Amino acid sequence: MTNYIFAFHGGNKPKTAEDSKAIMAKWGVWMKGLGGAIVQAGAPISHSNTVTASGKVTDNGGSNPLSGFTIVQANNMAAAVKMANDCPILDNQGTVEVAEMITQ
């Protein structure tokens, strides 16, 4: 099994406490469905900066800031992508970047 990182980008912020509760419930159902495939549940990401080699700092992560991550195990990229297909961020105007983690 290989580890894959799900890098979450975007997603609308909840407008009310009720919205927040409903969104968190969807995330709970999705993560429960991933079961033993979860290596690290991860976390949402707050404010970020992007730093370049020249020392330039872009506030708030640049053009496509990270909004969270999860690490899962899967047999291959296709299986990892299938897991990401039901991610609640997709219902909330966000995206999931799926990347294989290289281990030595």
PDB file of N, CA and C in Angstrom:
ATOM      1  N   MET A   1       0.849  -1.190   0.000  1.00  0.00           N
ATOM      2  CA  MET A   1       0.000   0.000   0.000  1.00  0.00           C
ATOM      3  C   MET A   1       0.886   1.242   0.000  1.00  0.00           C
ATOM      4  N   THR A   2       0.418   2.235  -0.681  1.00  0.00           N
ATOM      5  CA  THR A   2       1.142   3.495  -0.812  1.00  0.00           C
ATOM      6  C   THR A   2       0.350   4.602  -0.126  1.00  0.00           C
ATOM      7  N   ASN A   3       1.065   5.565   0.448  1.00  0.00           N
ATOM      8  CA  ASN A   3       0.405   6.721   1.049  1.00  0.00           C
ATOM      9  C   ASN A   3       0.167   7.783  -0.013  1.00  0.00           C
ATOM     10  N   TYR A   4      -0.994   8.414   0.073  1.00  0.00           N
ATOM     11  CA  TYR A   4      -1.377   9.517  -0.803  1.00  0.00           C
ATOM     12  C   TYR A   4      -1.843  10.669   0.065  1.00  0.00           C
ATOM     13  N   ILE A   5      -1.466  11.865  -0.342  1.00  0.00           N
ATOM     14  CA  ILE A   5      -1.952  13.040   0.374  1.00  0.00           C
ATOM     15  C   ILE A   5      -3.089  13.652  -0.428  1.00  0.00           C
ATOM     16  N   PHE A   6      -4.144  13.979   0.273  1.00  0.00           N
ATOM     17  CA  PHE A   6      -5.237  14.746  -0.304  1.00  0.00           C
ATOM     18  C   PHE A   6      -5.006  16.184   0.151  1.00  0.00           C
ATOM     19  N   ALA A   7      -4.671  17.051  -0.778  1.00  0.00           N
ATOM     20  CA  ALA A   7      -4.483  18.469  -0.477  1.00  0.00           C
ATOM     21  C   ALA A   7      -5.759  19.186  -0.901  1.00  0.00           C
ATOM     22  N   PHE A   8      -6.436  19.757   0.064  1.00  0.00           N
ATOM     23  CA  PHE A   8      -7.704  20.429  -0.197  1.00  0.00           C
ATOM     24  C   PHE A   8      -7.439  21.895  -0.504  1.00  0.00           C
ATOM     25  N   HIS A   9      -8.085  22.381  -1.562  1.00  0.00           N
ATOM     26  CA  HIS A   9      -7.942  23.770  -1.972  1.00  0.00           C
ATOM     27  C   HIS A   9      -9.324  24.412  -2.041  1.00  0.00           C
ATOM     28  N   GLY A  10      -9.414  25.634  -1.548  1.00  0.00           N
ATOM     29  CA  GLY A  10     -10.655  26.385  -1.647  1.00  0.00           C
ATOM     30  C   GLY A  10     -11.732  25.871  -0.720  1.00  0.00           C
ATOM     31  N   GLY A  11     -12.937  26.023  -1.143  1.00  0.00           N
ATOM     32  CA  GLY A  11     -14.088  25.674  -0.321  1.00  0.00           C
ATOM     33  C   GLY A  11     -14.639  26.916   0.360  1.00  0.00           C
ATOM     34  N   ASN A  12     -15.933  27.069   0.295  1.00  0.00           N
ATOM     35  CA  ASN A  12     -16.568  28.220   0.933  1.00  0.00           C
ATOM     36  C   ASN A  12     -16.619  28.054   2.443  1.00  0.00           C
ATOM     37  N   LYS A  13     -16.410  29.130   3.147  1.00  0.00           N
ATOM     38  CA  LYS A  13     -16.502  29.106   4.609  1.00  0.00           C
ATOM     39  C   LYS A  13     -17.976  29.101   5.001  1.00  0.00           C
ATOM     40  N   PRO A  14     -18.318  28.338   6.049  1.00  0.00           N
ATOM     41  CA  PRO A  14     -19.716  28.319   6.492  1.00  0.00           C
ATOM     42  C   PRO A  14     -20.170  29.715   6.920  1.00  0.00           C
ATOM     43  N   LYS A  15     -21.424  30.032   6.629  1.00  0.00           N
ATOM     44  CA  LYS A  15     -21.964  31.351   6.966  1.00  0.00           C
ATOM     45  C   LYS A  15     -22.589  31.389   8.354  1.00  0.00           C
ATOM     46  N   THR A  16     -23.044  30.236   8.831  1.00  0.00           N
ATOM     47  CA  THR A  16     -23.691  30.182  10.142  1.00  0.00           C
ATOM     48  C   THR A  16     -23.161  28.987  10.922  1.00  0.00           C
ATOM     49  N   ALA A  17     -23.473  28.968  12.195  1.00  0.00           N
ATOM     50  CA  ALA A  17     -23.097  27.825  13.035  1.00  0.00           C
ATOM     51  C   ALA A  17     -23.793  26.554  12.539  1.00  0.00           C
ATOM     52  N   GLU A  18     -25.016  26.688  12.069  1.00  0.00           N
ATOM     53  CA  GLU A  18     -25.747  25.532  11.531  1.00  0.00           C
ATOM     54  C   GLU A  18     -25.062  24.987  10.284  1.00  0.00           C
ATOM     55  N   ASP A  19     -24.625  25.893   9.394  1.00  0.00           N
ATOM     56  CA  ASP A  19     -23.897  25.476   8.195  1.00  0.00           C
ATOM     57  C   ASP A  19     -22.620  24.731   8.577  1.00  0.00           C
ATOM     58  N   SER A  20     -21.904  25.269   9.535  1.00  0.00           N
ATOM     59  CA  SER A  20     -20.658  24.658   9.997  1.00  0.00           C
ATOM     60  C   SER A  20     -20.905  23.254  10.529  1.00  0.00           C
ATOM     61  N   LYS A  21     -21.945  23.116  11.320  1.00  0.00           N
ATOM     62  CA  LYS A  21     -22.285  21.805  11.892  1.00  0.00           C
ATOM     63  C   LYS A  21     -22.633  20.801  10.788  1.00  0.00           C
ATOM     64  N   ALA A  22     -23.394  21.240   9.797  1.00  0.00           N
ATOM     65  CA  ALA A  22     -23.791  20.355   8.690  1.00  0.00           C
ATOM     66  C   ALA A  22     -22.573  19.937   7.870  1.00  0.00           C
ATOM     67  N   ILE A  23     -21.679  20.890   7.601  1.00  0.00           N
ATOM     68  CA  ILE A  23     -20.469  20.571   6.832  1.00  0.00           C
ATOM     69  C   ILE A  23     -19.591  19.591   7.600  1.00  0.00           C
ATOM     70  N   MET A  24     -19.411  19.819   8.889  1.00  0.00           N
ATOM     71  CA  MET A  24     -18.583  18.922   9.708  1.00  0.00           C
ATOM     72  C   MET A  24     -19.189  17.515   9.764  1.00  0.00           C
ATOM     73  N   ALA A  25     -20.502  17.437   9.781  1.00  0.00           N
ATOM     74  CA  ALA A  25     -21.162  16.125   9.782  1.00  0.00           C
ATOM     75  C   ALA A  25     -20.860  15.378   8.486  1.00  0.00           C
ATOM     76  N   LYS A  26     -20.867  16.093   7.342  1.00  0.00           N
ATOM     77  CA  LYS A  26     -20.537  15.462   6.065  1.00  0.00           C
ATOM     78  C   LYS A  26     -19.097  14.959   6.063  1.00  0.00           C
ATOM     79  N   TRP A  27     -18.169  15.771   6.619  1.00  0.00           N
ATOM     80  CA  TRP A  27     -16.778  15.348   6.701  1.00  0.00           C
ATOM     81  C   TRP A  27     -16.652  14.098   7.577  1.00  0.00           C
ATOM     82  N   GLY A  28     -17.393  14.046   8.663  1.00  0.00           N
ATOM     83  CA  GLY A  28     -17.356  12.881   9.547  1.00  0.00           C
ATOM     84  C   GLY A  28     -17.812  11.615   8.843  1.00  0.00           C
ATOM     85  N   VAL A  29     -18.885  11.722   8.073  1.00  0.00           N
ATOM     86  CA  VAL A  29     -19.402  10.567   7.324  1.00  0.00           C
ATOM     87  C   VAL A  29     -18.376  10.121   6.289  1.00  0.00           C
ATOM     88  N   TRP A  30     -17.789  11.072   5.567  1.00  0.00           N
ATOM     89  CA  TRP A  30     -16.795  10.735   4.546  1.00  0.00           C
ATOM     90  C   TRP A  30     -15.588  10.052   5.173  1.00  0.00           C
ATOM     91  N   MET A  31     -15.070  10.609   6.258  1.00  0.00           N
ATOM     92  CA  MET A  31     -13.889  10.020   6.899  1.00  0.00           C
ATOM     93  C   MET A  31     -14.197   8.647   7.480  1.00  0.00           C
ATOM     94  N   LYS A  32     -15.374   8.487   8.045  1.00  0.00           N
ATOM     95  CA  LYS A  32     -15.758   7.170   8.561  1.00  0.00           C
ATOM     96  C   LYS A  32     -15.797   6.158   7.419  1.00  0.00           C
ATOM     97  N   GLY A  33     -16.261   6.587   6.262  1.00  0.00           N
ATOM     98  CA  GLY A  33     -16.311   5.715   5.089  1.00  0.00           C
ATOM     99  C   GLY A  33     -14.928   5.304   4.594  1.00  0.00           C
ATOM    100  N   LEU A  34     -13.915   6.159   4.826  1.00  0.00           N
ATOM    101  CA  LEU A  34     -12.545   5.807   4.436  1.00  0.00           C
ATOM    102  C   LEU A  34     -11.963   4.753   5.369  1.00  0.00           C
ATOM    103  N   GLY A  35     -12.486   4.678   6.583  1.00  0.00           N
ATOM    104  CA  GLY A  35     -12.088   3.650   7.545  1.00  0.00           C
ATOM    105  C   GLY A  35     -10.595   3.548   7.755  1.00  0.00           C
ATOM    106  N   GLY A  36     -10.091   2.321   7.629  1.00  0.00           N
ATOM    107  CA  GLY A  36      -8.686   2.029   7.876  1.00  0.00           C
ATOM    108  C   GLY A  36      -7.731   2.603   6.848  1.00  0.00           C
ATOM    109  N   ALA A  37      -8.250   3.183   5.768  1.00  0.00           N
ATOM    110  CA  ALA A  37      -7.372   3.781   4.761  1.00  0.00           C
ATOM    111  C   ALA A  37      -6.738   5.074   5.265  1.00  0.00           C
ATOM    112  N   ILE A  38      -7.335   5.679   6.289  1.00  0.00           N
ATOM    113  CA  ILE A  38      -6.793   6.941   6.804  1.00  0.00           C
ATOM    114  C   ILE A  38      -5.516   6.675   7.595  1.00  0.00           C
ATOM    115  N   VAL A  39      -4.434   7.304   7.172  1.00  0.00           N
ATOM    116  CA  VAL A  39      -3.156   7.260   7.869  1.00  0.00           C
ATOM    117  C   VAL A  39      -3.109   8.416   8.870  1.00  0.00           C
ATOM    118  N   GLN A  40      -3.520   9.591   8.400  1.00  0.00           N
ATOM    119  CA  GLN A  40      -3.599  10.776   9.245  1.00  0.00           C
ATOM    120  C   GLN A  40      -4.804  11.581   8.780  1.00  0.00           C
ATOM    121  N   ALA A  41      -5.714  11.842   9.703  1.00  0.00           N
ATOM    122  CA  ALA A  41      -6.936  12.564   9.341  1.00  0.00           C
ATOM    123  C   ALA A  41      -6.629  13.969   8.842  1.00  0.00           C
ATOM    124  N   GLY A  42      -5.520  14.536   9.292  1.00  0.00           N
ATOM    125  CA  GLY A  42      -5.150  15.872   8.853  1.00  0.00           C
ATOM    126  C   GLY A  42      -5.917  16.937   9.592  1.00  0.00           C
ATOM    127  N   ALA A  43      -6.045  18.084   8.941  1.00  0.00           N
ATOM    128  CA  ALA A  43      -6.696  19.219   9.580  1.00  0.00           C
ATOM    129  C   ALA A  43      -6.978  20.298   8.549  1.00  0.00           C
ATOM    130  N   PRO A  44      -7.933  21.175   8.878  1.00  0.00           N
ATOM    131  CA  PRO A  44      -8.098  22.355   8.039  1.00  0.00           C
ATOM    132  C   PRO A  44      -6.891  23.272   8.219  1.00  0.00           C
ATOM    133  N   ILE A  45      -6.635  24.091   7.234  1.00  0.00           N
ATOM    134  CA  ILE A  45      -5.512  25.027   7.271  1.00  0.00           C
ATOM    135  C   ILE A  45      -6.085  26.444   7.325  1.00  0.00           C
ATOM    136  N   SER A  46      -5.466  27.269   8.121  1.00  0.00           N
ATOM    137  CA  SER A  46      -5.876  28.663   8.229  1.00  0.00           C
ATOM    138  C   SER A  46      -5.045  29.520   7.286  1.00  0.00           C
ATOM    139  N   HIS A  47      -4.724  30.692   7.692  1.00  0.00           N
ATOM    140  CA  HIS A  47      -3.943  31.642   6.900  1.00  0.00           C
ATOM    141  C   HIS A  47      -2.566  31.067   6.576  1.00  0.00           C
ATOM    142  N   SER A  48      -2.071  31.343   5.364  1.00  0.00           N
ATOM    143  CA  SER A  48      -0.749  30.864   4.967  1.00  0.00           C
ATOM    144  C   SER A  48      -0.019  31.918   4.162  1.00  0.00           C
ATOM    145  N   ASN A  49       1.279  31.742   4.043  1.00  0.00           N
ATOM    146  CA  ASN A  49       2.130  32.565   3.197  1.00  0.00           C
ATOM    147  C   ASN A  49       2.929  31.649   2.296  1.00  0.00           C
ATOM    148  N   THR A  50       3.239  32.099   1.086  1.00  0.00           N
ATOM    149  CA  THR A  50       4.106  31.373   0.171  1.00  0.00           C
ATOM    150  C   THR A  50       5.412  32.143   0.063  1.00  0.00           C
ATOM    151  N   VAL A  51       6.533  31.426   0.267  1.00  0.00           N
ATOM    152  CA  VAL A  51       7.851  32.045   0.243  1.00  0.00           C
ATOM    153  C   VAL A  51       8.620  31.507  -0.957  1.00  0.00           C
ATOM    154  N   THR A  52       9.225  32.408  -1.750  1.00  0.00           N
ATOM    155  CA  THR A  52      10.023  31.993  -2.906  1.00  0.00           C
ATOM    156  C   THR A  52      11.504  32.019  -2.549  1.00  0.00           C
ATOM    157  N   ALA A  53      12.330  31.455  -3.424  1.00  0.00           N
ATOM    158  CA  ALA A  53      13.779  31.424  -3.196  1.00  0.00           C
ATOM    159  C   ALA A  53      14.366  32.826  -3.091  1.00  0.00           C
ATOM    160  N   SER A  54      13.741  33.790  -3.750  1.00  0.00           N
ATOM    161  CA  SER A  54      14.238  35.173  -3.691  1.00  0.00           C
ATOM    162  C   SER A  54      13.800  35.887  -2.419  1.00  0.00           C
ATOM    163  N   GLY A  55      12.980  35.207  -1.627  1.00  0.00           N
ATOM    164  CA  GLY A  55      12.516  35.798  -0.374  1.00  0.00           C
ATOM    165  C   GLY A  55      11.190  36.514  -0.489  1.00  0.00           C
ATOM    166  N   LYS A  56      10.599  36.508  -1.682  1.00  0.00           N
ATOM    167  CA  LYS A  56       9.292  37.133  -1.858  1.00  0.00           C
ATOM    168  C   LYS A  56       8.249  36.326  -1.099  1.00  0.00           C
ATOM    169  N   VAL A  57       7.398  37.016  -0.394  1.00  0.00           N
ATOM    170  CA  VAL A  57       6.342  36.373   0.385  1.00  0.00           C
ATOM    171  C   VAL A  57       4.989  36.796  -0.180  1.00  0.00           C
ATOM    172  N   THR A  58       4.193  35.810  -0.554  1.00  0.00           N
ATOM    173  CA  THR A  58       2.838  36.066  -1.014  1.00  0.00           C
ATOM    174  C   THR A  58       1.895  35.748   0.127  1.00  0.00           C
ATOM    175  N   ASP A  59       1.132  36.732   0.519  1.00  0.00           N
ATOM    176  CA  ASP A  59       0.198  36.563   1.628  1.00  0.00           C
ATOM    177  C   ASP A  59      -0.964  35.659   1.226  1.00  0.00           C
ATOM    178  N   ASN A  60      -1.388  34.840   2.140  1.00  0.00           N
ATOM    179  CA  ASN A  60      -2.551  33.959   2.005  1.00  0.00           C
ATOM    180  C   ASN A  60      -2.373  32.866   0.964  1.00  0.00           C
ATOM    181  N   GLY A  61      -1.142  32.380   0.791  1.00  0.00           N
ATOM    182  CA  GLY A  61      -0.910  31.187  -0.005  1.00  0.00           C
ATOM    183  C   GLY A  61      -0.908  31.336  -1.503  1.00  0.00           C
ATOM    184  N   GLY A  62      -1.034  32.514  -2.028  1.00  0.00           N
ATOM    185  CA  GLY A  62      -0.973  32.685  -3.471  1.00  0.00           C
ATOM    186  C   GLY A  62      -2.290  32.409  -4.159  1.00  0.00           C
ATOM    187  N   SER A  63      -2.209  31.960  -5.416  1.00  0.00           N
ATOM    188  CA  SER A  63      -3.404  31.843  -6.250  1.00  0.00           C
ATOM    189  C   SER A  63      -4.287  30.646  -5.908  1.00  0.00           C
ATOM    190  N   ASN A  64      -3.748  29.618  -5.273  1.00  0.00           N
ATOM    191  CA  ASN A  64      -4.528  28.421  -4.961  1.00  0.00           C
ATOM    192  C   ASN A  64      -4.149  27.915  -3.568  1.00  0.00           C
ATOM    193  N   PRO A  65      -4.509  28.665  -2.524  1.00  0.00           N
ATOM    194  CA  PRO A  65      -4.050  28.311  -1.189  1.00  0.00           C
ATOM    195  C   PRO A  65      -4.598  26.972  -0.684  1.00  0.00           C
ATOM    196  N   LEU A  66      -3.777  26.318   0.084  1.00  0.00           N
ATOM    197  CA  LEU A  66      -4.160  25.066   0.735  1.00  0.00           C
ATOM    198  C   LEU A  66      -5.197  25.367   1.802  1.00  0.00           C
ATOM    199  N   SER A  67      -6.240  24.543   1.878  1.00  0.00           N
ATOM    200  CA  SER A  67      -7.246  24.742   2.924  1.00  0.00           C
ATOM    201  C   SER A  67      -7.339  23.559   3.874  1.00  0.00           C
ATOM    202  N   GLY A  68      -6.568  22.493   3.613  1.00  0.00           N
ATOM    203  CA  GLY A  68      -6.538  21.352   4.507  1.00  0.00           C
ATOM    204  C   GLY A  68      -5.861  20.168   3.857  1.00  0.00           C
ATOM    205  N   PHE A  69      -5.726  19.072   4.611  1.00  0.00           N
ATOM    206  CA  PHE A  69      -5.098  17.868   4.069  1.00  0.00           C
ATOM    207  C   PHE A  69      -5.552  16.636   4.830  1.00  0.00           C
ATOM    208  N   THR A  70      -5.411  15.488   4.190  1.00  0.00           N
ATOM    209  CA  THR A  70      -5.614  14.169   4.788  1.00  0.00           C
ATOM    210  C   THR A  70      -4.635  13.228   4.099  1.00  0.00           C
ATOM    211  N   ILE A  71      -4.121  12.252   4.826  1.00  0.00           N
ATOM    212  CA  ILE A  71      -3.241  11.237   4.242  1.00  0.00           C
ATOM    213  C   ILE A  71      -3.940   9.888   4.329  1.00  0.00           C
ATOM    214  N   VAL A  72      -3.988   9.191   3.186  1.00  0.00           N
ATOM    215  CA  VAL A  72      -4.634   7.875   3.120  1.00  0.00           C
ATOM    216  C   VAL A  72      -3.671   6.856   2.510  1.00  0.00           C
ATOM    217  N   GLN A  73      -4.008   5.591   2.696  1.00  0.00           N
ATOM    218  CA  GLN A  73      -3.298   4.508   2.018  1.00  0.00           C
ATOM    219  C   GLN A  73      -4.214   3.943   0.944  1.00  0.00           C
ATOM    220  N   ALA A  74      -3.623   3.643  -0.213  1.00  0.00           N
ATOM    221  CA  ALA A  74      -4.389   3.035  -1.302  1.00  0.00           C
ATOM    222  C   ALA A  74      -3.462   2.155  -2.129  1.00  0.00           C
ATOM    223  N   ASN A  75      -4.047   1.242  -2.883  1.00  0.00           N
ATOM    224  CA  ASN A  75      -3.260   0.344  -3.729  1.00  0.00           C
ATOM    225  C   ASN A  75      -2.610   1.058  -4.902  1.00  0.00           C
ATOM    226  N   ASN A  76      -3.272   2.118  -5.394  1.00  0.00           N
ATOM    227  CA  ASN A  76      -2.748   2.847  -6.546  1.00  0.00           C
ATOM    228  C   ASN A  76      -3.440   4.199  -6.641  1.00  0.00           C
ATOM    229  N   MET A  77      -2.997   5.019  -7.588  1.00  0.00           N
ATOM    230  CA  MET A  77      -3.566   6.359  -7.756  1.00  0.00           C
ATOM    231  C   MET A  77      -5.053   6.302  -8.059  1.00  0.00           C
ATOM    232  N   ALA A  78      -5.466   5.364  -8.896  1.00  0.00           N
ATOM    233  CA  ALA A  78      -6.885   5.265  -9.247  1.00  0.00           C
ATOM    234  C   ALA A  78      -7.744   5.016  -8.009  1.00  0.00           C
ATOM    235  N   ALA A  79      -7.271   4.169  -7.111  1.00  0.00           N
ATOM    236  CA  ALA A  79      -8.015   3.890  -5.881  1.00  0.00           C
ATOM    237  C   ALA A  79      -8.053   5.122  -4.978  1.00  0.00           C
ATOM    238  N   ALA A  80      -6.951   5.858  -4.916  1.00  0.00           N
ATOM    239  CA  ALA A  80      -6.907   7.074  -4.104  1.00  0.00           C
ATOM    240  C   ALA A  80      -7.859   8.132  -4.663  1.00  0.00           C
ATOM    241  N   VAL A  81      -7.860   8.290  -5.978  1.00  0.00           N
ATOM    242  CA  VAL A  81      -8.757   9.258  -6.615  1.00  0.00           C
ATOM    243  C   VAL A  81     -10.206   8.882  -6.353  1.00  0.00           C
ATOM    244  N   LYS A  82     -10.507   7.606  -6.392  1.00  0.00           N
ATOM    245  CA  LYS A  82     -11.877   7.147  -6.117  1.00  0.00           C
ATOM    246  C   LYS A  82     -12.291   7.544  -4.701  1.00  0.00           C
ATOM    247  N   MET A  83     -11.374   7.429  -3.738  1.00  0.00           N
ATOM    248  CA  MET A  83     -11.673   7.848  -2.357  1.00  0.00           C
ATOM    249  C   MET A  83     -11.964   9.343  -2.300  1.00  0.00           C
ATOM    250  N   ALA A  84     -11.221  10.114  -3.075  1.00  0.00           N
ATOM    251  CA  ALA A  84     -11.369  11.574  -3.055  1.00  0.00           C
ATOM    252  C   ALA A  84     -12.652  12.042  -3.732  1.00  0.00           C
ATOM    253  N   ASN A  85     -13.215  11.216  -4.598  1.00  0.00           N
ATOM    254  CA  ASN A  85     -14.402  11.611  -5.362  1.00  0.00           C
ATOM    255  C   ASN A  85     -15.593  11.999  -4.503  1.00  0.00           C
ATOM    256  N   ASP A  86     -15.680  11.486  -3.293  1.00  0.00           N
ATOM    257  CA  ASP A  86     -16.819  11.768  -2.423  1.00  0.00           C
ATOM    258  C   ASP A  86     -16.498  12.803  -1.347  1.00  0.00           C
ATOM    259  N   CYS A  87     -15.356  13.447  -1.443  1.00  0.00           N
ATOM    260  CA  CYS A  87     -14.945  14.408  -0.428  1.00  0.00           C
ATOM    261  C   CYS A  87     -15.932  15.579  -0.358  1.00  0.00           C
ATOM    262  N   PRO A  88     -16.357  15.946   0.846  1.00  0.00           N
ATOM    263  CA  PRO A  88     -17.332  17.036   0.998  1.00  0.00           C
ATOM    264  C   PRO A  88     -16.871  18.389   0.464  1.00  0.00           C
ATOM    265  N   ILE A  89     -15.579  18.615   0.357  1.00  0.00           N
ATOM    266  CA  ILE A  89     -15.135  19.913  -0.152  1.00  0.00           C
ATOM    267  C   ILE A  89     -15.576  20.124  -1.596  1.00  0.00           C
ATOM    268  N   LEU A  90     -15.794  19.031  -2.323  1.00  0.00           N
ATOM    269  CA  LEU A  90     -16.228  19.123  -3.719  1.00  0.00           C
ATOM    270  C   LEU A  90     -17.644  19.695  -3.827  1.00  0.00           C
ATOM    271  N   ASP A  91     -18.455  19.492  -2.773  1.00  0.00           N
ATOM    272  CA  ASP A  91     -19.810  20.051  -2.733  1.00  0.00           C
ATOM    273  C   ASP A  91     -19.795  21.510  -2.293  1.00  0.00           C
ATOM    274  N   ASN A  92     -18.623  21.997  -1.919  1.00  0.00           N
ATOM    275  CA  ASN A  92     -18.505  23.320  -1.322  1.00  0.00           C
ATOM    276  C   ASN A  92     -17.553  24.214  -2.128  1.00  0.00           C
ATOM    277  N   GLN A  93     -17.509  24.000  -3.446  1.00  0.00           N
ATOM    278  CA  GLN A  93     -16.709  24.818  -4.365  1.00  0.00           C
ATOM    279  C   GLN A  93     -15.199  24.665  -4.183  1.00  0.00           C
ATOM    280  N   GLY A  94     -14.750  23.551  -3.599  1.00  0.00           N
ATOM    281  CA  GLY A  94     -13.327  23.299  -3.435  1.00  0.00           C
ATOM    282  C   GLY A  94     -12.858  22.175  -4.322  1.00  0.00           C
ATOM    283  N   THR A  95     -11.556  21.876  -4.250  1.00  0.00           N
ATOM    284  CA  THR A  95     -10.971  20.786  -5.030  1.00  0.00           C
ATOM    285  C   THR A  95     -10.084  19.930  -4.138  1.00  0.00           C
ATOM    286  N   VAL A  96      -9.805  18.723  -4.610  1.00  0.00           N
ATOM    287  CA  VAL A  96      -8.875  17.818  -3.937  1.00  0.00           C
ATOM    288  C   VAL A  96      -7.754  17.481  -4.895  1.00  0.00           C
ATOM    289  N   GLU A  97      -6.544  17.807  -4.486  1.00  0.00           N
ATOM    290  CA  GLU A  97      -5.356  17.399  -5.247  1.00  0.00           C
ATOM    291  C   GLU A  97      -4.870  16.101  -4.612  1.00  0.00           C
ATOM    292  N   VAL A  98      -4.717  15.054  -5.414  1.00  0.00           N
ATOM    293  CA  VAL A  98      -4.276  13.749  -4.929  1.00  0.00           C
ATOM    294  C   VAL A  98      -2.848  13.538  -5.403  1.00  0.00           C
ATOM    295  N   ALA A  99      -1.931  13.280  -4.461  1.00  0.00           N
ATOM    296  CA  ALA A  99      -0.531  13.099  -4.820  1.00  0.00           C
ATOM    297  C   ALA A  99       0.061  11.914  -4.063  1.00  0.00           C
ATOM    298  N   GLU A 100       0.815  11.083  -4.779  1.00  0.00           N
ATOM    299  CA  GLU A 100       1.506   9.966  -4.160  1.00  0.00           C
ATOM    300  C   GLU A 100       2.674  10.495  -3.329  1.00  0.00           C
ATOM    301  N   MET A 101       2.792   9.958  -2.128  1.00  0.00           N
ATOM    302  CA  MET A 101       3.895  10.340  -1.265  1.00  0.00           C
ATOM    303  C   MET A 101       5.066   9.397  -1.530  1.00  0.00           C
ATOM    304  N   ILE A 102       6.226   9.942  -1.799  1.00  0.00           N
ATOM    305  CA  ILE A 102       7.407   9.139  -2.103  1.00  0.00           C
ATOM    306  C   ILE A 102       8.104   8.788  -0.798  1.00  0.00           C
ATOM    307  N   THR A 103       8.335   7.497  -0.601  1.00  0.00           N
ATOM    308  CA  THR A 103       9.092   7.042   0.573  1.00  0.00           C
ATOM    309  C   THR A 103      10.281   6.248   0.088  1.00  0.00           C
ATOM    310  N   GLN A 104      11.327   6.260   0.881  1.00  0.00           N
ATOM    311  CA  GLN A 104      12.542   5.551   0.495  1.00  0.00           C
ATOM    312  C   GLN A 104      12.781   4.370   1.383  1.00  0.00           C
TER     313      GLN A 104
END
